[in-house]
Amino acid sequence: MTETYDLVIRSRRAVLPYGEKPAAVAVRNGRIAAIEEADAPLAAPAEVDLGDIALLPGLVDTHVHINEPGRTEWEGFATATRAAAAGGVTTVVDMPLNSLPPTVDVESLAVKQAAARGAVHVDVGFWGGAIPGNVADLRPLHEAGVFGFKCFISDSGVPEFPPLSPERQYEAFREIASFDGLIIVHAEDPAALSEPAAGDYASFLASRPPSAERRAVEQVIRVAEQTGVRAHIVHLAAADALEPLAKARSRGVRVTAETCPHYLTLTAEDVPGPDATAFKCCPPIRDAGNREELWNGLADGVISCVVTDHSPCTPDLKRGDFATAWGGVSSLQLGLSAVWTAARARGHGLSSVVRWMAEGPAALVGLNGDGARRKGRIALGYDADLVAFAADASHVVDAAALHHRNPVTPYAGRSLRGVVQATWLRGEIVDDTPRGALLNR
């Protein structure tokens, strides 16, 4: 008896865990049920032949600020997840801050889940927050399904999410280690930060030097080593921090790191003037030499994943200069094309991009194991989250055409390589109807 499937997608460039090859991917009940030769006879009521268009697993972006509820004029679940799907991202994990309330207890998690339910176009999970005074809330949040806990060492930019002092870090790390949870850290040492002396980019960059990141990373490594917690450094911008990370990992400390598309594709030299505040983020975009060292860190495996840190705001908050404007880069819809453009120029293939932007983030949050949801790979039993990606096509970024709520991005007017032509979530094409699910750890 011939097996039947719900959907078959054929591509001469399927990016599989063992490399690119022609393949036919068959979907049944939302999961990948077979992977065969590209011309294999497979019975299904729906079939798509992509030809030379690449077939990728849906990307997993574990660093997204959606800001709903409370600051939905900045972004929201509907707009963020529509932008994600348009950029080939099929799973996002939402950060606990910039929403009101922040996700620092079970009650605030429920409020956020209620806001997201029925509104999301891709699958969405949630981080909890570790702030002073909420140690007793960490285990209940873990049991409620958050994927881990975000903390700051320096000021977060919003008063409702204060940073942890060294003593509070130890307390929170020890508690999270007790249930084998994950702590993710914005690592900048406040003692090395200062107010910008002026509004130009050079002054802003000098106010947040690489030493601030390195010292904070070294502090996180010390506390992780003392407590045994699993720790992850978010949005690494300073290549100076790669050395202590590599040494810590070599001696068995459970510490990992991510970087972001803007640190891999943009440079301080690209910033055209003091009003180009779409480039402002913390930690800052650094010089071209630093960027190349980050690429080396990716190639060496010291950096395990690339995620966007999509951190939008309203256009009025980006007015002014680098001393006064809000810091955050909006790139959820553009991350894949931006990284592919730069990776291709450095001799990396699509398999590497998938490893950094799908497999790595999925592994970080445990979505690559034996749970109910398996993401980030075109492999048997995994969710049929798939992307048709025209890797050889190019496009010029029109900020007004993006699905982000606010059309502010440093990529405006840039030519990028690679166009997402279609995105499937569990075997269904993503369109204007929200079909995303809310994920628990």
Protein backbone atom coordinates (compact mmCIF):
# COMPACT_ATOMS: atom_id res chain seq x y z
CA MET A 1 0.00 0.00 0.00
CA THR A 2 1.39 3.39 -1.03
CA GLU A 3 1.94 5.83 1.82
CA THR A 4 0.24 9.18 1.41
CA TYR A 5 1.30 12.52 2.80
CA ASP A 6 -0.34 15.90 3.25
CA LEU A 7 2.34 17.85 1.37
CA VAL A 8 5.50 17.19 -0.61
CA ILE A 9 8.10 19.90 -1.25
CA ARG A 10 10.92 19.21 -3.72
CA SER A 11 14.10 21.24 -4.04
CA ARG A 12 17.47 20.77 -5.72
CA ARG A 13 18.97 22.70 -2.75
CA ALA A 14 17.49 21.23 0.41
CA VAL A 15 19.64 22.17 3.42
CA LEU A 16 19.72 18.98 5.48
CA PRO A 17 21.73 18.31 8.67
CA TYR A 18 24.48 16.69 6.60
CA GLY A 19 24.62 19.38 3.89
CA GLU A 20 22.87 20.60 0.77
CA LYS A 21 21.41 18.05 -1.64
CA PRO A 22 18.41 17.54 -3.90
CA ALA A 23 15.54 16.13 -1.83
CA ALA A 24 11.81 15.67 -1.53
CA VAL A 25 10.43 16.44 1.93
CA ALA A 26 7.10 14.85 2.79
CA VAL A 27 4.85 16.19 5.53
CA ARG A 28 2.17 14.41 7.51
CA ASN A 29 0.22 15.85 10.46
CA GLY A 30 2.50 18.85 10.66
CA ARG A 31 5.76 16.92 10.90
CA ILE A 32 8.42 15.76 8.50
CA ALA A 33 7.48 12.17 7.74
CA ALA A 34 9.91 11.31 4.92
CA ILE A 35 12.98 12.70 3.17
CA GLU A 36 13.62 11.07 -0.19
CA GLU A 37 15.45 11.65 -3.44
CA ALA A 38 14.19 14.75 -5.22
CA ASP A 39 12.39 12.77 -7.94
CA ALA A 40 11.01 10.02 -5.69
CA PRO A 41 7.33 9.18 -6.32
CA LEU A 42 5.44 10.43 -3.25
CA ALA A 43 1.68 10.69 -3.04
CA ALA A 44 0.18 13.87 -1.61
CA PRO A 45 -2.77 16.14 -2.46
CA ALA A 46 -0.40 19.13 -2.48
CA GLU A 47 3.05 19.29 -4.03
CA VAL A 48 5.50 22.17 -4.50
CA ASP A 49 8.55 21.95 -6.76
CA LEU A 50 10.99 24.70 -5.87
CA GLY A 51 13.54 23.78 -8.51
CA ASP A 52 16.77 25.63 -7.67
CA ILE A 53 15.16 27.64 -4.85
CA ALA A 54 16.70 26.49 -1.57
CA LEU A 55 14.61 24.73 1.06
CA LEU A 56 15.68 25.63 4.60
CA PRO A 57 14.34 24.70 8.01
CA GLY A 58 12.46 27.56 9.61
CA LEU A 59 14.77 29.77 11.63
CA VAL A 60 14.54 29.97 15.42
CA ASP A 61 15.04 33.46 16.86
CA THR A 62 15.49 33.31 20.62
CA HIS A 63 16.03 37.06 21.10
CA VAL A 64 12.98 39.12 20.18
CA HIS A 65 11.38 42.03 22.05
CA ILE A 66 7.69 41.97 21.14
CA ASN A 67 6.66 44.54 23.81
CA GLU A 68 3.05 43.39 24.17
CA PRO A 69 1.20 44.12 26.38
CA GLY A 70 1.99 47.60 27.58
CA ARG A 71 4.09 49.02 24.75
CA THR A 72 2.22 47.74 21.70
CA GLU A 73 2.84 51.02 19.91
CA TRP A 74 6.47 49.79 19.72
CA GLU A 75 5.60 46.32 18.36
CA GLY A 76 3.10 43.54 19.03
CA PHE A 77 2.54 39.82 18.60
CA ALA A 78 0.68 40.12 15.30
CA THR A 79 3.17 42.44 13.59
CA ALA A 80 6.31 40.85 15.01
CA THR A 81 5.33 37.32 14.06
CA ARG A 82 4.18 38.37 10.60
CA ALA A 83 7.57 40.00 10.08
CA ALA A 84 9.26 36.87 11.43
CA ALA A 85 7.50 34.63 8.92
CA ALA A 86 8.31 37.02 6.06
CA GLY A 87 11.96 36.68 7.10
CA GLY A 88 11.95 32.87 7.29
CA VAL A 89 11.65 32.71 11.09
CA THR A 90 9.08 30.18 12.32
CA THR A 91 9.81 30.21 16.06
CA VAL A 92 10.55 33.18 18.30
CA VAL A 93 11.19 33.40 22.02
CA ASP A 94 9.99 36.68 23.48
CA MET A 95 12.11 38.67 25.92
CA PRO A 96 10.66 39.44 29.35
CA LEU A 97 11.18 43.21 29.29
CA ASN A 98 9.80 46.24 27.48
CA SER A 99 6.34 44.74 27.91
CA LEU A 100 4.23 45.90 30.84
CA PRO A 101 4.20 44.03 33.09
CA PRO A 102 7.62 42.43 32.58
CA THR A 103 7.60 38.63 32.74
CA VAL A 104 8.99 38.25 36.25
CA ASP A 105 6.36 36.02 37.87
CA VAL A 106 3.74 33.47 36.85
CA GLU A 107 0.96 36.05 36.87
CA SER A 108 2.76 38.33 34.40
CA LEU A 109 3.54 35.33 32.19
CA ALA A 110 -0.19 34.55 32.04
CA VAL A 111 -0.94 38.15 31.07
CA LYS A 112 1.57 37.95 28.20
CA GLN A 113 0.29 34.56 27.03
CA ALA A 114 -3.26 35.92 26.98
CA ALA A 115 -2.13 38.83 24.80
CA ALA A 116 -0.40 36.46 22.37
CA ARG A 117 -3.07 33.78 22.15
CA GLY A 118 -4.77 33.76 18.74
CA ALA A 119 -2.58 36.57 17.39
CA VAL A 120 0.67 34.87 16.37
CA HIS A 121 1.69 33.78 12.87
CA VAL A 122 4.62 31.66 14.05
CA ASP A 123 5.27 29.64 17.20
CA VAL A 124 6.16 31.73 20.26
CA GLY A 125 7.85 30.86 23.54
CA PHE A 126 8.74 33.09 26.46
CA TRP A 127 11.71 34.00 28.62
CA GLY A 128 11.26 34.87 32.27
CA GLY A 129 13.12 37.68 33.98
CA ALA A 130 15.54 37.62 36.92
CA ILE A 131 15.45 40.94 38.79
CA PRO A 132 16.23 41.94 42.36
CA GLY A 133 13.73 40.40 44.74
CA ASN A 134 12.14 37.73 42.55
CA VAL A 135 14.28 34.69 43.37
CA ALA A 136 11.22 32.97 44.85
CA ASP A 137 9.42 33.40 41.50
CA LEU A 138 12.09 31.71 39.38
CA ARG A 139 11.21 28.07 40.02
CA PRO A 140 7.45 28.65 39.54
CA LEU A 141 8.19 30.40 36.25
CA HIS A 142 10.40 27.50 35.18
CA GLU A 143 7.61 25.05 36.04
CA ALA A 144 5.14 27.24 34.09
CA GLY A 145 7.21 26.69 30.95
CA VAL A 146 9.54 29.64 30.36
CA PHE A 147 12.69 28.69 28.44
CA GLY A 148 15.05 30.41 30.86
CA PHE A 149 15.71 33.73 32.55
CA LYS A 150 17.07 37.05 31.29
CA CYS A 151 19.04 39.36 33.55
CA PHE A 152 20.99 42.58 33.20
CA ILE A 153 24.23 43.50 34.92
CA SER A 154 23.89 47.16 33.89
CA ASP A 155 20.85 49.42 33.50
CA SER A 156 18.24 47.88 31.20
CA GLY A 157 16.79 51.17 29.99
CA VAL A 158 13.41 50.58 31.65
CA PRO A 159 12.84 51.08 35.40
CA GLU A 160 10.61 48.04 35.87
CA PHE A 161 13.49 45.69 34.98
CA PRO A 162 16.46 46.64 37.20
CA PRO A 163 19.88 44.98 36.99
CA LEU A 164 21.35 42.39 39.34
CA SER A 165 24.27 43.36 41.55
CA PRO A 166 27.09 40.78 41.88
CA GLU A 167 25.50 39.49 45.10
CA ARG A 168 22.08 39.21 43.47
CA GLN A 169 23.63 37.50 40.46
CA TYR A 170 25.06 34.78 42.67
CA GLU A 171 21.71 34.34 44.43
CA ALA A 172 19.74 34.06 41.16
CA PHE A 173 22.34 31.87 39.41
CA ARG A 174 22.41 29.47 42.35
CA GLU A 175 18.61 29.19 42.40
CA ILE A 176 18.42 28.61 38.64
CA ALA A 177 21.16 25.97 38.87
CA SER A 178 19.12 24.13 41.49
CA PHE A 179 16.54 23.17 38.83
CA ASP A 180 19.05 23.09 35.93
CA GLY A 181 17.59 26.16 34.28
CA LEU A 182 19.23 28.60 31.87
CA ILE A 183 20.27 32.18 32.63
CA ILE A 184 20.86 34.55 29.72
CA VAL A 185 22.78 37.73 30.44
CA HIS A 186 23.09 41.22 28.99
CA ALA A 187 26.76 41.51 29.83
CA GLU A 188 28.11 45.05 30.16
CA ASP A 189 29.94 46.09 33.33
CA PRO A 190 28.30 49.29 34.64
CA ALA A 191 31.62 50.46 36.12
CA ALA A 192 33.07 50.65 32.59
CA LEU A 193 30.12 52.56 31.10
CA SER A 194 29.65 56.33 30.99
CA GLU A 195 27.34 58.94 29.52
CA PRO A 196 28.34 59.95 25.98
CA ALA A 197 30.34 63.18 25.92
CA ALA A 198 28.45 64.32 22.82
CA GLY A 199 25.74 63.15 20.43
CA ASP A 200 27.96 61.75 17.67
CA TYR A 201 28.54 58.04 17.14
CA ALA A 202 32.20 58.11 18.17
CA SER A 203 31.24 59.53 21.57
CA PHE A 204 28.52 56.93 22.04
CA LEU A 205 30.91 54.14 21.07
CA ALA A 206 33.54 55.42 23.52
CA SER A 207 30.94 55.41 26.31
CA ARG A 208 30.45 51.65 25.97
CA PRO A 209 33.95 50.23 25.35
CA PRO A 210 34.81 46.59 24.62
CA SER A 211 36.24 46.29 28.13
CA ALA A 212 32.71 46.70 29.54
CA GLU A 213 31.65 43.53 27.74
CA ARG A 214 34.79 41.57 28.54
CA ARG A 215 34.68 42.39 32.26
CA ALA A 216 31.00 41.49 32.47
CA VAL A 217 31.54 38.22 30.58
CA GLU A 218 34.37 37.34 32.96
CA GLN A 219 32.05 38.06 35.90
CA VAL A 220 29.34 35.80 34.46
CA ILE A 221 31.89 33.03 33.90
CA ARG A 222 33.07 33.28 37.54
CA VAL A 223 29.56 33.01 38.95
CA ALA A 224 28.60 30.25 36.51
CA GLU A 225 31.69 28.31 37.55
CA GLN A 226 30.86 28.77 41.24
CA THR A 227 27.19 27.81 40.94
CA GLY A 228 27.25 25.31 38.06
CA VAL A 229 24.45 27.17 36.27
CA ARG A 230 24.08 27.03 32.51
CA ALA A 231 24.74 30.59 31.31
CA HIS A 232 24.42 32.28 27.93
CA ILE A 233 25.74 35.68 26.85
CA VAL A 234 23.27 37.55 24.67
CA HIS A 235 24.15 39.91 21.78
CA LEU A 236 27.94 39.67 22.05
CA ALA A 237 29.41 42.67 20.23
CA ALA A 238 33.00 42.86 21.52
CA ALA A 239 35.42 40.34 20.05
CA ASP A 240 37.65 40.95 23.11
CA ALA A 241 35.27 38.71 25.07
CA LEU A 242 35.87 35.69 22.82
CA GLU A 243 39.09 34.70 24.59
CA PRO A 244 37.62 34.28 28.12
CA LEU A 245 34.61 32.49 26.64
CA ALA A 246 36.81 30.00 24.77
CA LYS A 247 38.96 29.36 27.84
CA ALA A 248 35.93 28.85 30.07
CA ARG A 249 34.36 26.40 27.66
CA SER A 250 37.64 24.46 27.40
CA ARG A 251 37.62 23.86 31.14
CA GLY A 252 34.00 22.75 31.18
CA VAL A 253 32.12 25.87 32.26
CA ARG A 254 28.60 25.73 30.86
CA VAL A 255 28.65 29.06 29.07
CA THR A 256 27.62 29.89 25.50
CA ALA A 257 27.22 33.06 23.46
CA GLU A 258 25.25 34.53 20.61
CA THR A 259 25.79 37.49 18.33
CA CYS A 260 23.42 39.39 16.05
CA PRO A 261 23.12 40.22 12.36
CA HIS A 262 23.93 43.91 12.91
CA TYR A 263 27.25 43.10 14.59
CA LEU A 264 28.18 40.79 11.71
CA THR A 265 27.07 43.04 8.85
CA LEU A 266 27.34 46.68 9.97
CA THR A 267 30.29 48.66 11.33
CA ALA A 268 30.92 51.90 13.17
CA GLU A 269 32.36 53.22 9.93
CA ASP A 270 28.95 52.72 8.26
CA VAL A 271 27.15 55.19 10.54
CA PRO A 272 26.58 58.27 8.37
CA GLY A 273 26.04 60.91 11.07
CA PRO A 274 24.68 61.80 14.52
CA ASP A 275 21.07 61.55 13.40
CA ALA A 276 21.44 57.98 12.01
CA THR A 277 20.07 56.57 15.25
CA ALA A 278 18.60 53.47 13.61
CA PHE A 279 22.14 52.14 14.16
CA LYS A 280 22.02 52.74 17.93
CA CYS A 281 21.98 49.65 20.12
CA CYS A 282 23.58 48.44 23.34
CA PRO A 283 26.20 47.08 23.23
CA PRO A 284 27.14 49.17 20.19
CA ILE A 285 28.06 48.20 16.65
CA ARG A 286 31.87 48.30 16.63
CA ASP A 287 34.61 48.71 14.03
CA ALA A 288 35.26 46.57 10.95
CA GLY A 289 38.18 44.70 12.52
CA ASN A 290 36.01 43.70 15.47
CA ARG A 291 33.34 42.48 13.05
CA GLU A 292 35.77 40.15 11.34
CA GLU A 293 36.86 38.73 14.69
CA LEU A 294 33.21 37.94 15.47
CA TRP A 295 33.03 36.01 12.18
CA ASN A 296 36.11 34.07 13.33
CA GLY A 297 34.37 33.35 16.64
CA LEU A 298 31.41 31.93 14.74
CA ALA A 299 33.61 29.77 12.55
CA ASP A 300 35.49 28.50 15.62
CA GLY A 301 32.27 27.66 17.47
CA VAL A 302 32.88 30.05 20.38
CA ILE A 303 29.71 31.83 19.26
CA SER A 304 26.99 29.22 18.83
CA CYS A 305 24.11 31.13 17.31
CA VAL A 306 22.97 34.28 15.53
CA VAL A 307 19.68 35.87 16.59
CA THR A 308 18.30 39.33 15.87
CA ASP A 309 17.76 41.07 19.21
CA HIS A 310 14.84 42.71 17.41
CA SER A 311 14.27 45.71 19.71
CA PRO A 312 11.90 48.18 18.07
CA CYS A 313 10.37 51.41 19.31
CA THR A 314 8.27 54.24 17.93
CA PRO A 315 9.97 56.61 15.45
CA ASP A 316 9.82 59.54 17.89
CA LEU A 317 12.07 57.66 20.33
CA LYS A 318 14.70 57.39 17.60
CA ARG A 319 14.75 61.16 17.02
CA GLY A 320 17.66 63.19 18.28
CA ASP A 321 21.21 61.89 18.40
CA PHE A 322 23.24 59.03 19.85
CA ALA A 323 23.19 60.56 23.33
CA THR A 324 19.40 60.76 23.55
CA ALA A 325 17.74 58.23 21.19
CA TRP A 326 16.43 54.82 22.22
CA GLY A 327 18.87 51.98 21.60
CA GLY A 328 17.62 49.04 19.59
CA VAL A 329 17.82 47.61 16.07
CA SER A 330 14.78 46.32 14.19
CA SER A 331 15.72 43.47 11.86
CA LEU A 332 13.45 40.49 12.51
CA GLN A 333 12.34 40.31 8.87
CA LEU A 334 15.85 40.96 7.53
CA GLY A 335 18.19 38.81 9.61
CA LEU A 336 18.40 35.87 7.23
CA SER A 337 19.14 37.98 4.16
CA ALA A 338 21.61 40.19 6.04
CA VAL A 339 23.57 37.27 7.46
CA TRP A 340 23.49 35.32 4.19
CA THR A 341 24.79 38.36 2.29
CA ALA A 342 27.79 38.66 4.60
CA ALA A 343 28.34 34.92 5.07
CA ARG A 344 28.37 34.25 1.33
CA ALA A 345 30.96 37.01 0.85
CA ARG A 346 33.21 35.21 3.37
CA GLY A 347 32.90 31.77 1.80
CA HIS A 348 30.28 30.30 4.13
CA GLY A 349 27.42 28.23 2.72
CA LEU A 350 23.75 27.99 3.56
CA SER A 351 24.46 25.01 5.83
CA SER A 352 26.49 27.29 8.11
CA VAL A 353 23.75 29.92 8.17
CA VAL A 354 21.21 27.25 9.11
CA ARG A 355 23.51 25.98 11.85
CA TRP A 356 23.84 29.47 13.32
CA MET A 357 20.25 30.67 12.88
CA ALA A 358 18.13 27.52 13.21
CA GLU A 359 19.97 24.58 14.78
CA GLY A 360 21.98 26.61 17.30
CA PRO A 361 19.11 28.65 18.75
CA ALA A 362 16.85 25.56 18.84
CA ALA A 363 19.52 23.70 20.82
CA LEU A 364 19.90 26.65 23.21
CA VAL A 365 16.27 26.40 24.31
CA GLY A 366 15.92 22.62 24.04
CA LEU A 367 13.73 22.53 20.94
CA ASN A 368 15.97 19.97 19.24
CA GLY A 369 15.39 17.01 21.56
CA ASP A 370 12.62 14.55 22.29
CA GLY A 371 9.93 17.02 23.37
CA ALA A 372 6.57 17.74 21.80
CA ARG A 373 8.14 20.31 19.49
CA ARG A 374 11.37 19.75 17.53
CA LYS A 375 12.67 22.69 15.53
CA GLY A 376 15.60 23.92 13.48
CA ARG A 377 16.30 20.98 11.17
CA ILE A 378 14.89 19.25 8.15
CA ALA A 379 14.88 15.83 9.79
CA LEU A 380 12.40 13.05 10.43
CA GLY A 381 9.99 13.77 13.25
CA TYR A 382 10.76 17.49 13.32
CA ASP A 383 8.06 20.09 12.86
CA ALA A 384 7.55 20.84 9.18
CA ASP A 385 8.65 24.46 9.60
CA LEU A 386 10.17 25.20 6.20
CA VAL A 387 11.33 28.14 4.11
CA ALA A 388 11.68 28.62 0.36
CA PHE A 389 14.73 30.88 0.02
CA ALA A 390 15.91 32.33 -3.28
CA ALA A 391 19.55 32.50 -2.23
CA ASP A 392 20.81 34.05 -5.47
CA ALA A 393 18.18 36.78 -5.71
CA SER A 394 18.78 40.25 -4.33
CA HIS A 395 16.58 43.05 -3.08
CA VAL A 396 16.90 46.60 -1.79
CA VAL A 397 15.40 47.09 1.66
CA ASP A 398 12.31 49.32 1.66
CA ALA A 399 11.63 50.00 5.34
CA ALA A 400 8.04 51.02 4.65
CA ALA A 401 7.32 47.61 3.12
CA LEU A 402 8.42 45.64 6.20
CA HIS A 403 5.84 44.02 8.47
CA HIS A 404 7.42 45.51 11.62
CA ARG A 405 5.01 47.96 13.26
CA ASN A 406 7.45 50.87 12.81
CA PRO A 407 9.54 51.36 9.64
CA VAL A 408 12.87 52.09 11.33
CA THR A 409 15.90 49.98 10.40
CA PRO A 410 19.59 50.64 9.64
CA TYR A 411 19.24 48.37 6.61
CA ALA A 412 16.97 50.82 4.76
CA GLY A 413 18.24 51.28 1.21
CA ARG A 414 20.79 48.46 1.46
CA SER A 415 21.01 45.74 -1.15
CA LEU A 416 20.78 42.29 0.42
CA ARG A 417 21.16 38.85 -1.10
CA GLY A 418 18.47 36.21 -0.61
CA VAL A 419 14.68 36.48 -0.72
CA VAL A 420 12.19 34.46 1.32
CA GLN A 421 9.54 33.29 -1.15
CA ALA A 422 7.35 31.19 1.16
CA THR A 423 7.25 30.00 4.75
CA TRP A 424 5.46 26.93 6.08
CA LEU A 425 4.57 26.40 9.75
CA ARG A 426 3.98 22.73 10.53
CA GLY A 427 3.27 22.15 6.84
CA GLU A 428 0.84 25.05 6.35
CA ILE A 429 1.76 28.12 4.37
CA VAL A 430 1.97 31.23 6.55
CA ASP A 431 -0.48 33.89 5.40
CA ASP A 432 -2.67 36.52 7.02
CA THR A 433 -4.41 33.97 9.26
CA PRO A 434 -2.61 33.49 12.61
CA ARG A 435 -1.83 29.78 13.10
CA GLY A 436 1.06 29.96 15.53
CA ALA A 437 1.14 28.09 18.84
CA LEU A 438 2.39 29.19 22.24
CA LEU A 439 5.30 27.01 23.35
CA ASN A 440 6.33 25.78 26.77
CA ARG A 441 9.80 24.59 27.64
